[in-house]
PDB file of all heavy atoms in Angstrom:
ATOM      1  N   GLY A   1     -14.341  33.949  -4.714  1.00  0.00           N
ATOM      2  CA  GLY A   1     -15.212  34.245  -5.857  1.00  0.00           C
ATOM      3  C   GLY A   1     -14.370  34.337  -7.109  1.00  0.00           C
ATOM      4  O   GLY A   1     -13.553  33.460  -7.374  1.00  0.00           O
ATOM      5  N   ASP A   2     -14.512  35.422  -7.839  1.00  0.00           N
ATOM      6  CA  ASP A   2     -13.710  35.596  -9.059  1.00  0.00           C
ATOM      7  C   ASP A   2     -12.509  36.510  -8.835  1.00  0.00           C
ATOM      8  O   ASP A   2     -11.843  36.911  -9.779  1.00  0.00           O
ATOM      9  CB  ASP A   2     -14.580  36.114 -10.210  1.00  0.00           C
ATOM     10  CG  ASP A   2     -15.198  37.475  -9.937  1.00  0.00           C
ATOM     11  OD1 ASP A   2     -15.060  37.987  -8.808  1.00  0.00           O
ATOM     12  OD2 ASP A   2     -15.819  38.028 -10.860  1.00  0.00           O
ATOM     13  N   GLN A   3     -12.199  36.815  -7.571  1.00  0.00           N
ATOM     14  CA  GLN A   3     -11.077  37.686  -7.238  1.00  0.00           C
ATOM     15  C   GLN A   3      -9.877  36.869  -6.769  1.00  0.00           C
ATOM     16  O   GLN A   3      -9.991  36.044  -5.859  1.00  0.00           O
ATOM     17  CB  GLN A   3     -11.498  38.654  -6.126  1.00  0.00           C
ATOM     18  CG  GLN A   3     -10.387  39.573  -5.675  1.00  0.00           C
ATOM     19  CD  GLN A   3     -10.797  40.436  -4.478  1.00  0.00           C
ATOM     20  OE1 GLN A   3     -11.912  40.374  -3.985  1.00  0.00           O
ATOM     21  NE2 GLN A   3      -9.857  41.232  -4.008  1.00  0.00           N
ATOM     22  N   ILE A   4      -8.710  37.078  -7.382  1.00  0.00           N
ATOM     23  CA  ILE A   4      -7.469  36.447  -6.917  1.00  0.00           C
ATOM     24  C   ILE A   4      -7.023  37.206  -5.678  1.00  0.00           C
ATOM     25  O   ILE A   4      -6.846  38.425  -5.711  1.00  0.00           O
ATOM     26  CB  ILE A   4      -6.383  36.474  -8.002  1.00  0.00           C
ATOM     27  CG1 ILE A   4      -6.822  35.615  -9.185  1.00  0.00           C
ATOM     28  CG2 ILE A   4      -5.049  36.000  -7.434  1.00  0.00           C
ATOM     29  CD1 ILE A   4      -5.932  35.723 -10.393  1.00  0.00           C
ATOM     30  N   ILE A   5      -6.843  36.469  -4.567  1.00  0.00           N
ATOM     31  CA  ILE A   5      -6.492  37.117  -3.303  1.00  0.00           C
ATOM     32  C   ILE A   5      -5.086  36.768  -2.814  1.00  0.00           C
ATOM     33  O   ILE A   5      -4.572  37.414  -1.906  1.00  0.00           O
ATOM     34  CB  ILE A   5      -7.526  36.785  -2.208  1.00  0.00           C
ATOM     35  CG1 ILE A   5      -7.619  35.272  -1.966  1.00  0.00           C
ATOM     36  CG2 ILE A   5      -8.895  37.376  -2.567  1.00  0.00           C
ATOM     37  CD1 ILE A   5      -8.422  34.885  -0.747  1.00  0.00           C
ATOM     38  N   ALA A   6      -4.479  35.740  -3.415  1.00  0.00           N
ATOM     39  CA  ALA A   6      -3.115  35.378  -3.011  1.00  0.00           C
ATOM     40  C   ALA A   6      -2.450  34.587  -4.130  1.00  0.00           C
ATOM     41  O   ALA A   6      -3.128  33.912  -4.911  1.00  0.00           O
ATOM     42  CB  ALA A   6      -3.122  34.560  -1.722  1.00  0.00           C
ATOM     43  N   THR A   7      -1.130  34.699  -4.190  1.00  0.00           N
ATOM     44  CA  THR A   7      -0.355  33.981  -5.206  1.00  0.00           C
ATOM     45  C   THR A   7       0.901  33.393  -4.583  1.00  0.00           C
ATOM     46  O   THR A   7       1.382  33.862  -3.551  1.00  0.00           O
ATOM     47  CB  THR A   7       0.085  34.920  -6.355  1.00  0.00           C
ATOM     48  OG1 THR A   7       0.952  35.936  -5.814  1.00  0.00           O
ATOM     49  CG2 THR A   7      -1.102  35.585  -7.028  1.00  0.00           C
ATOM     50  N   SER A   8       1.421  32.374  -5.227  1.00  0.00           N
ATOM     51  CA  SER A   8       2.712  31.803  -4.844  1.00  0.00           C
ATOM     52  C   SER A   8       3.246  31.010  -6.030  1.00  0.00           C
ATOM     53  O   SER A   8       2.480  30.603  -6.905  1.00  0.00           O
ATOM     54  CB  SER A   8       2.591  30.889  -3.626  1.00  0.00           C
ATOM     55  OG  SER A   8       1.781  29.782  -3.933  1.00  0.00           O
ATOM     56  N   ALA A   9       4.551  30.804  -6.040  1.00  0.00           N
ATOM     57  CA  ALA A   9       5.168  30.024  -7.114  1.00  0.00           C
ATOM     58  C   ALA A   9       6.486  29.449  -6.622  1.00  0.00           C
ATOM     59  O   ALA A   9       7.102  29.964  -5.685  1.00  0.00           O
ATOM     60  CB  ALA A   9       5.411  30.892  -8.343  1.00  0.00           C
ATOM     61  N   ILE A  10       6.883  28.360  -7.264  1.00  0.00           N
ATOM     62  CA  ILE A  10       8.190  27.772  -6.976  1.00  0.00           C
ATOM     63  C   ILE A  10       8.832  27.367  -8.295  1.00  0.00           C
ATOM     64  O   ILE A  10       8.164  26.863  -9.197  1.00  0.00           O
ATOM     65  CB  ILE A  10       8.082  26.575  -6.005  1.00  0.00           C
ATOM     66  CG1 ILE A  10       9.477  26.114  -5.551  1.00  0.00           C
ATOM     67  CG2 ILE A  10       7.272  25.439  -6.601  1.00  0.00           C
ATOM     68  CD1 ILE A  10       9.453  25.183  -4.351  1.00  0.00           C
ATOM     69  N   SER A  11      10.112  27.653  -8.409  1.00  0.00           N
ATOM     70  CA  SER A  11      10.917  27.218  -9.553  1.00  0.00           C
ATOM     71  C   SER A  11      11.895  26.177  -9.040  1.00  0.00           C
ATOM     72  O   SER A  11      12.491  26.344  -7.973  1.00  0.00           O
ATOM     73  CB  SER A  11      11.711  28.387 -10.139  1.00  0.00           C
ATOM     74  OG  SER A  11      10.851  29.408 -10.569  1.00  0.00           O
ATOM     75  N   PHE A  12      12.044  25.102  -9.787  1.00  0.00           N
ATOM     76  CA  PHE A  12      12.966  24.047  -9.385  1.00  0.00           C
ATOM     77  C   PHE A  12      14.249  24.166 -10.182  1.00  0.00           C
ATOM     78  O   PHE A  12      14.224  24.311 -11.398  1.00  0.00           O
ATOM     79  CB  PHE A  12      12.338  22.672  -9.612  1.00  0.00           C
ATOM     80  CG  PHE A  12      11.110  22.449  -8.782  1.00  0.00           C
ATOM     81  CD1 PHE A  12       9.877  22.280  -9.369  1.00  0.00           C
ATOM     82  CD2 PHE A  12      11.187  22.427  -7.391  1.00  0.00           C
ATOM     83  CE1 PHE A  12       8.744  22.072  -8.605  1.00  0.00           C
ATOM     84  CE2 PHE A  12      10.064  22.219  -6.611  1.00  0.00           C
ATOM     85  CZ  PHE A  12       8.833  22.041  -7.228  1.00  0.00           C
ATOM     86  N   VAL A  13      15.364  24.132  -9.454  1.00  0.00           N
ATOM     87  CA  VAL A  13      16.677  24.191 -10.081  1.00  0.00           C
ATOM     88  C   VAL A  13      17.494  23.014  -9.579  1.00  0.00           C
ATOM     89  O   VAL A  13      17.244  22.473  -8.506  1.00  0.00           O
ATOM     90  CB  VAL A  13      17.413  25.521  -9.779  1.00  0.00           C
ATOM     91  CG1 VAL A  13      16.661  26.697 -10.373  1.00  0.00           C
ATOM     92  CG2 VAL A  13      17.610  25.722  -8.297  1.00  0.00           C
ATOM     93  N   GLU A  14      18.463  22.618 -10.368  1.00  0.00           N
ATOM     94  CA  GLU A  14      19.335  21.521  -9.975  1.00  0.00           C
ATOM     95  C   GLU A  14      20.776  21.991 -10.049  1.00  0.00           C
ATOM     96  O   GLU A  14      21.206  22.569 -11.042  1.00  0.00           O
ATOM     97  CB  GLU A  14      19.116  20.308 -10.878  1.00  0.00           C
ATOM     98  CG  GLU A  14      19.761  19.063 -10.338  1.00  0.00           C
ATOM     99  CD  GLU A  14      19.308  17.802 -11.055  1.00  0.00           C
ATOM    100  OE1 GLU A  14      18.400  17.888 -11.897  1.00  0.00           O
ATOM    101  OE2 GLU A  14      19.864  16.746 -10.756  1.00  0.00           O
ATOM    102  N   LYS A  15      21.486  21.750  -8.965  1.00  0.00           N
ATOM    103  CA  LYS A  15      22.892  22.127  -8.847  1.00  0.00           C
ATOM    104  C   LYS A  15      23.673  20.882  -8.482  1.00  0.00           C
ATOM    105  O   LYS A  15      23.085  19.848  -8.160  1.00  0.00           O
ATOM    106  CB  LYS A  15      23.045  23.189  -7.753  1.00  0.00           C
ATOM    107  CG  LYS A  15      22.255  24.452  -8.009  1.00  0.00           C
ATOM    108  CD  LYS A  15      22.384  25.398  -6.843  1.00  0.00           C
ATOM    109  CE  LYS A  15      21.574  26.657  -7.106  1.00  0.00           C
ATOM    110  NZ  LYS A  15      21.666  27.598  -6.014  1.00  0.00           N
ATOM    111  N   PRO A  16      24.984  20.947  -8.477  1.00  0.00           N
ATOM    112  CA  PRO A  16      25.750  19.789  -8.022  1.00  0.00           C
ATOM    113  C   PRO A  16      25.353  19.426  -6.592  1.00  0.00           C
ATOM    114  O   PRO A  16      25.102  20.306  -5.767  1.00  0.00           O
ATOM    115  CB  PRO A  16      27.201  20.263  -8.083  1.00  0.00           C
ATOM    116  CG  PRO A  16      27.197  21.344  -9.110  1.00  0.00           C
ATOM    117  CD  PRO A  16      25.862  22.025  -8.949  1.00  0.00           C
ATOM    118  N   PRO A  17      25.276  18.142  -6.278  1.00  0.00           N
ATOM    119  CA  PRO A  17      24.900  17.712  -4.928  1.00  0.00           C
ATOM    120  C   PRO A  17      25.880  18.213  -3.871  1.00  0.00           C
ATOM    121  O   PRO A  17      27.069  18.386  -4.136  1.00  0.00           O
ATOM    122  CB  PRO A  17      24.949  16.184  -5.009  1.00  0.00           C
ATOM    123  CG  PRO A  17      24.890  15.859  -6.457  1.00  0.00           C
ATOM    124  CD  PRO A  17      25.510  17.011  -7.180  1.00  0.00           C
ATOM    125  N   THR A  18      25.349  18.436  -2.675  1.00  0.00           N
ATOM    126  CA  THR A  18      26.171  18.805  -1.515  1.00  0.00           C
ATOM    127  C   THR A  18      25.744  17.919  -0.348  1.00  0.00           C
ATOM    128  O   THR A  18      24.731  17.230  -0.423  1.00  0.00           O
ATOM    129  CB  THR A  18      25.964  20.283  -1.132  1.00  0.00           C
ATOM    130  OG1 THR A  18      24.598  20.450  -0.720  1.00  0.00           O
ATOM    131  CG2 THR A  18      26.278  21.221  -2.284  1.00  0.00           C
ATOM    132  N   PHE A  19      26.483  17.986   0.743  1.00  0.00           N
ATOM    133  CA  PHE A  19      26.093  17.219   1.927  1.00  0.00           C
ATOM    134  C   PHE A  19      24.731  17.682   2.433  1.00  0.00           C
ATOM    135  O   PHE A  19      23.920  16.891   2.876  1.00  0.00           O
ATOM    136  CB  PHE A  19      27.139  17.335   3.036  1.00  0.00           C
ATOM    137  CG  PHE A  19      28.402  16.585   2.727  1.00  0.00           C
ATOM    138  CD1 PHE A  19      29.585  17.265   2.477  1.00  0.00           C
ATOM    139  CD2 PHE A  19      28.398  15.197   2.674  1.00  0.00           C
ATOM    140  CE1 PHE A  19      30.748  16.565   2.177  1.00  0.00           C
ATOM    141  CE2 PHE A  19      29.549  14.490   2.374  1.00  0.00           C
ATOM    142  CZ  PHE A  19      30.732  15.182   2.120  1.00  0.00           C
ATOM    143  N   GLY A  20      24.481  18.985   2.375  1.00  0.00           N
ATOM    144  CA  GLY A  20      23.213  19.524   2.846  1.00  0.00           C
ATOM    145  C   GLY A  20      22.064  19.271   1.895  1.00  0.00           C
ATOM    146  O   GLY A  20      20.905  19.334   2.288  1.00  0.00           O
ATOM    147  N   CYS A  21      22.374  19.001   0.640  1.00  0.00           N
ATOM    148  CA  CYS A  21      21.348  18.763  -0.382  1.00  0.00           C
ATOM    149  C   CYS A  21      21.855  17.695  -1.349  1.00  0.00           C
ATOM    150  O   CYS A  21      22.302  17.997  -2.451  1.00  0.00           O
ATOM    151  CB  CYS A  21      21.024  20.061  -1.111  1.00  0.00           C
ATOM    152  SG  CYS A  21      19.689  19.914  -2.315  1.00  0.00           S
ATOM    153  N   PRO A  22      21.792  16.424  -0.943  1.00  0.00           N
ATOM    154  CA  PRO A  22      22.353  15.340  -1.758  1.00  0.00           C
ATOM    155  C   PRO A  22      21.728  15.200  -3.152  1.00  0.00           C
ATOM    156  O   PRO A  22      22.386  14.740  -4.065  1.00  0.00           O
ATOM    157  CB  PRO A  22      22.086  14.088  -0.925  1.00  0.00           C
ATOM    158  CG  PRO A  22      21.804  14.554   0.451  1.00  0.00           C
ATOM    159  CD  PRO A  22      21.276  15.945   0.331  1.00  0.00           C
ATOM    160  N   SER A  23      20.462  15.598  -3.313  1.00  0.00           N
ATOM    161  CA  SER A  23      19.833  15.489  -4.636  1.00  0.00           C
ATOM    162  C   SER A  23      20.287  16.602  -5.567  1.00  0.00           C
ATOM    163  O   SER A  23      20.168  16.481  -6.778  1.00  0.00           O
ATOM    164  CB  SER A  23      18.306  15.543  -4.508  1.00  0.00           C
ATOM    165  OG  SER A  23      17.876  16.857  -4.177  1.00  0.00           O
ATOM    166  N   GLY A  24      20.786  17.699  -4.991  1.00  0.00           N
ATOM    167  CA  GLY A  24      21.144  18.860  -5.794  1.00  0.00           C
ATOM    168  C   GLY A  24      19.940  19.680  -6.221  1.00  0.00           C
ATOM    169  O   GLY A  24      20.082  20.728  -6.821  1.00  0.00           O
ATOM    170  N   LYS A  25      18.738  19.214  -5.898  1.00  0.00           N
ATOM    171  CA  LYS A  25      17.516  19.900  -6.309  1.00  0.00           C
ATOM    172  C   LYS A  25      17.080  20.885  -5.230  1.00  0.00           C
ATOM    173  O   LYS A  25      17.002  20.543  -4.054  1.00  0.00           O
ATOM    174  CB  LYS A  25      16.402  18.894  -6.576  1.00  0.00           C
ATOM    175  CG  LYS A  25      16.707  17.974  -7.731  1.00  0.00           C
ATOM    176  CD  LYS A  25      15.609  16.948  -7.918  1.00  0.00           C
ATOM    177  CE  LYS A  25      15.943  16.019  -9.079  1.00  0.00           C
ATOM    178  NZ  LYS A  25      14.915  14.978  -9.235  1.00  0.00           N
TER     179      LYS A  25
END
């Protein structure tokens, strides 16, 4: 209805690439 019952959020950051995270994102 008009009641907020749950929330979530994500922030995207970029770091130097690693083997585990080649995009760095």
